[in-house]
Amino acid sequence: MDTTRSLDEKRERVLEQMRAIRSMRRGSVTEQYLKVRHKGKRKPVVRGPYWVYTRKEGGKTVGQRLSREEAEQVKKDVEAHKQFVALCKEFETLTMRLGDVEVEGGYCQIEAVPGRLSRVDDKRHAELSRIPISARNRQPRGLALPPILYELSRCGKQPTRPQSSG
């Protein structure tokens, strides 16, 4: 099982990798070939490759032709964006695991349910296991607490802030 320290170190490494990305672009770069029919010839002649950078802007697909040199740089930027998205997902996973480790260290435990996490108190486990998951995770109307605080309040734990040294 991961400790809080190891998860924090992994998160910092992911953040450093994110900071190392200097430029990125959404979209894709493709090669385009055109068939051109010449006067007096039966078969069309293939022209290209032409490089096209395609992306979404304002809900519409926009394409831009690139030179060979520009295409190489834009390809690197598109790959950097893909790497950035993967790092964001990894950071999210690590942060969720860190939250689970911190909650497990306290009064509440995590009950594993496929596709969902439900934080329950040991004493209430038997009672809650008879209640459908959809009803168990529903907050009362008008209660405007973040989900983690709501779950902690349901199992009797008061949220605490880390002690600052100083």
Protein backbone atom coordinates (compact mmCIF):
# COMPACT_ATOMS: atom_id res chain seq x y z
CA MET A 1 0.00 0.00 0.00
CA ASP A 2 1.25 3.47 -0.83
CA THR A 3 2.08 5.87 1.93
CA THR A 4 1.21 9.53 1.96
CA ARG A 5 4.86 10.47 1.46
CA SER A 6 5.38 8.19 -1.55
CA LEU A 7 2.17 9.44 -3.18
CA ASP A 8 3.23 13.05 -2.61
CA GLU A 9 6.63 12.30 -4.19
CA LYS A 10 4.98 10.68 -7.22
CA ARG A 11 2.64 13.69 -7.59
CA GLU A 12 5.64 16.05 -7.48
CA ARG A 13 7.42 14.03 -10.20
CA VAL A 14 4.30 14.24 -12.38
CA LEU A 15 4.10 18.01 -11.82
CA GLU A 16 7.78 18.38 -12.77
CA GLN A 17 7.14 16.49 -16.01
CA MET A 18 4.19 18.80 -16.71
CA ARG A 19 6.35 21.88 -16.08
CA ALA A 20 8.97 20.56 -18.51
CA ILE A 21 6.53 20.77 -21.43
CA ARG A 22 7.35 24.06 -23.17
CA SER A 23 4.74 24.09 -25.94
CA MET A 24 1.76 21.98 -26.92
CA ARG A 25 -1.19 22.05 -29.29
CA ARG A 26 -4.47 20.19 -29.49
CA GLY A 27 -5.36 18.56 -32.77
CA SER A 28 -3.58 16.39 -35.29
CA VAL A 29 -1.22 16.61 -38.25
CA THR A 30 -2.00 14.55 -41.33
CA GLU A 31 -0.52 14.10 -44.76
CA GLN A 32 -2.76 15.01 -47.64
CA TYR A 33 -2.40 13.83 -51.23
CA LEU A 34 -4.41 15.31 -54.07
CA LYS A 35 -5.34 13.68 -57.35
CA VAL A 36 -5.05 16.22 -60.14
CA ARG A 37 -6.39 15.49 -63.60
CA HIS A 38 -4.34 17.04 -66.38
CA LYS A 39 -5.81 18.02 -69.71
CA GLY A 40 -5.36 15.29 -72.24
CA LYS A 41 -4.35 12.60 -69.70
CA ARG A 42 -6.55 9.67 -68.73
CA LYS A 43 -5.25 9.01 -65.21
CA PRO A 44 -4.96 11.64 -62.51
CA VAL A 45 -1.55 12.55 -61.15
CA VAL A 46 -1.04 12.32 -57.38
CA ARG A 47 0.39 15.49 -55.82
CA GLY A 48 1.73 15.81 -52.31
CA PRO A 49 2.29 15.22 -49.56
CA TYR A 50 0.79 18.35 -48.07
CA TRP A 51 0.70 18.55 -44.28
CA VAL A 52 -2.49 19.74 -42.63
CA TYR A 53 -2.87 20.73 -38.97
CA THR A 54 -6.48 20.15 -37.89
CA ARG A 55 -8.06 21.30 -34.63
CA LYS A 56 -11.36 22.43 -33.10
CA GLU A 57 -11.96 26.15 -32.56
CA GLY A 58 -15.28 27.43 -31.31
CA GLY A 59 -17.00 24.11 -32.02
CA LYS A 60 -15.82 24.03 -35.63
CA THR A 61 -13.03 22.02 -37.25
CA VAL A 62 -10.28 24.25 -38.61
CA GLY A 63 -7.51 23.08 -40.92
CA GLN A 64 -4.26 24.80 -41.78
CA ARG A 65 -1.66 23.78 -44.33
CA LEU A 66 1.91 23.57 -43.06
CA SER A 67 5.35 23.45 -44.59
CA ARG A 68 7.49 20.38 -43.90
CA GLU A 69 9.42 22.20 -41.14
CA GLU A 70 6.26 23.55 -39.51
CA ALA A 71 4.68 20.10 -39.66
CA GLU A 72 7.57 18.56 -37.70
CA GLN A 73 7.26 21.17 -34.94
CA VAL A 74 3.47 20.92 -34.78
CA LYS A 75 3.71 17.10 -34.58
CA LYS A 76 5.98 17.48 -31.55
CA ASP A 77 3.54 19.94 -29.99
CA VAL A 78 0.59 17.59 -30.58
CA GLU A 79 2.52 14.72 -28.96
CA ALA A 80 3.37 17.01 -26.03
CA HIS A 81 -0.34 17.70 -25.57
CA LYS A 82 -1.09 13.95 -25.53
CA GLN A 83 1.65 13.49 -22.92
CA PHE A 84 0.21 16.38 -20.88
CA VAL A 85 -3.27 14.81 -20.89
CA ALA A 86 -1.81 11.46 -19.77
CA LEU A 87 0.10 13.21 -16.96
CA CYS A 88 -3.10 14.98 -15.87
CA LYS A 89 -4.90 11.64 -15.62
CA GLU A 90 -2.00 10.16 -13.66
CA PHE A 91 -2.02 13.18 -11.31
CA GLU A 92 -5.77 12.77 -10.79
CA THR A 93 -5.36 9.07 -9.97
CA LEU A 94 -2.53 9.75 -7.51
CA THR A 95 -4.52 12.52 -5.83
CA MET A 96 -7.55 10.27 -5.45
CA ARG A 97 -5.36 7.52 -3.94
CA LEU A 98 -3.80 10.08 -1.59
CA GLY A 99 -7.26 11.14 -0.42
CA ASP A 100 -8.23 7.50 0.12
CA VAL A 101 -5.07 6.83 2.16
CA GLU A 102 -5.71 9.90 4.31
CA VAL A 103 -9.35 8.93 4.93
CA GLU A 104 -8.42 5.29 5.68
CA GLY A 105 -5.95 6.52 8.28
CA GLY A 106 -8.84 8.13 10.17
CA TYR A 107 -12.16 6.83 11.40
CA CYS A 108 -13.79 6.05 8.05
CA GLN A 109 -12.97 3.17 5.74
CA ILE A 110 -13.60 2.70 2.04
CA GLU A 111 -16.05 0.09 0.87
CA ALA A 112 -15.11 -1.14 -2.61
CA VAL A 113 -18.07 -1.14 -4.98
CA PRO A 114 -17.53 -1.63 -8.73
CA GLY A 115 -17.48 1.78 -10.38
CA ARG A 116 -17.96 3.74 -7.14
CA LEU A 117 -16.38 4.50 -3.81
CA SER A 118 -18.54 4.78 -0.73
CA ARG A 119 -16.98 5.86 2.57
CA VAL A 120 -18.70 4.14 5.47
CA ASP A 121 -18.17 3.69 9.18
CA ASP A 122 -17.38 0.15 10.38
CA LYS A 123 -20.36 0.18 12.76
CA ARG A 124 -22.75 1.21 10.02
CA HIS A 125 -21.44 -1.27 7.42
CA ALA A 126 -24.09 -3.91 8.03
CA GLU A 127 -26.86 -1.31 8.01
CA LEU A 128 -25.61 0.41 4.85
CA SER A 129 -24.97 -2.80 2.94
CA ARG A 130 -28.75 -3.32 2.82
CA ILE A 131 -29.32 0.14 1.30
CA PRO A 132 -28.86 0.45 -2.49
CA ILE A 133 -25.71 2.33 -3.50
CA SER A 134 -27.72 4.96 -5.40
CA ALA A 135 -29.72 5.84 -2.27
CA ARG A 136 -26.68 5.63 -0.01
CA ASN A 137 -24.66 8.23 -1.92
CA ARG A 138 -27.49 10.73 -2.37
CA GLN A 139 -27.13 13.93 -0.38
CA PRO A 140 -30.27 15.43 1.16
CA ARG A 141 -31.62 18.34 -0.87
CA GLY A 142 -30.34 21.74 0.17
CA LEU A 143 -27.16 20.34 1.72
CA ALA A 144 -24.31 22.14 -0.01
CA LEU A 145 -21.29 20.23 1.28
CA PRO A 146 -18.53 18.89 -0.93
CA PRO A 147 -18.98 15.09 -1.29
CA ILE A 148 -15.98 14.18 0.87
CA LEU A 149 -17.15 16.42 3.74
CA TYR A 150 -20.66 15.03 3.43
CA GLU A 151 -19.37 11.44 3.62
CA LEU A 152 -17.13 12.29 6.59
CA SER A 153 -20.03 13.93 8.40
CA ARG A 154 -22.16 10.83 7.81
CA CYS A 155 -19.66 8.58 9.53
CA GLY A 156 -19.04 10.92 12.45
CA LYS A 157 -15.54 12.16 11.64
CA GLN A 158 -14.79 15.87 11.86
CA PRO A 159 -12.54 17.12 9.06
CA THR A 160 -9.21 18.32 10.39
CA ARG A 161 -6.62 20.61 8.89
CA PRO A 162 -2.92 19.70 9.01
CA GLN A 163 -1.01 21.36 11.84
CA SER A 164 1.29 24.07 10.51
CA SER A 165 4.79 24.12 11.93
CA GLY A 166 5.67 27.60 12.97
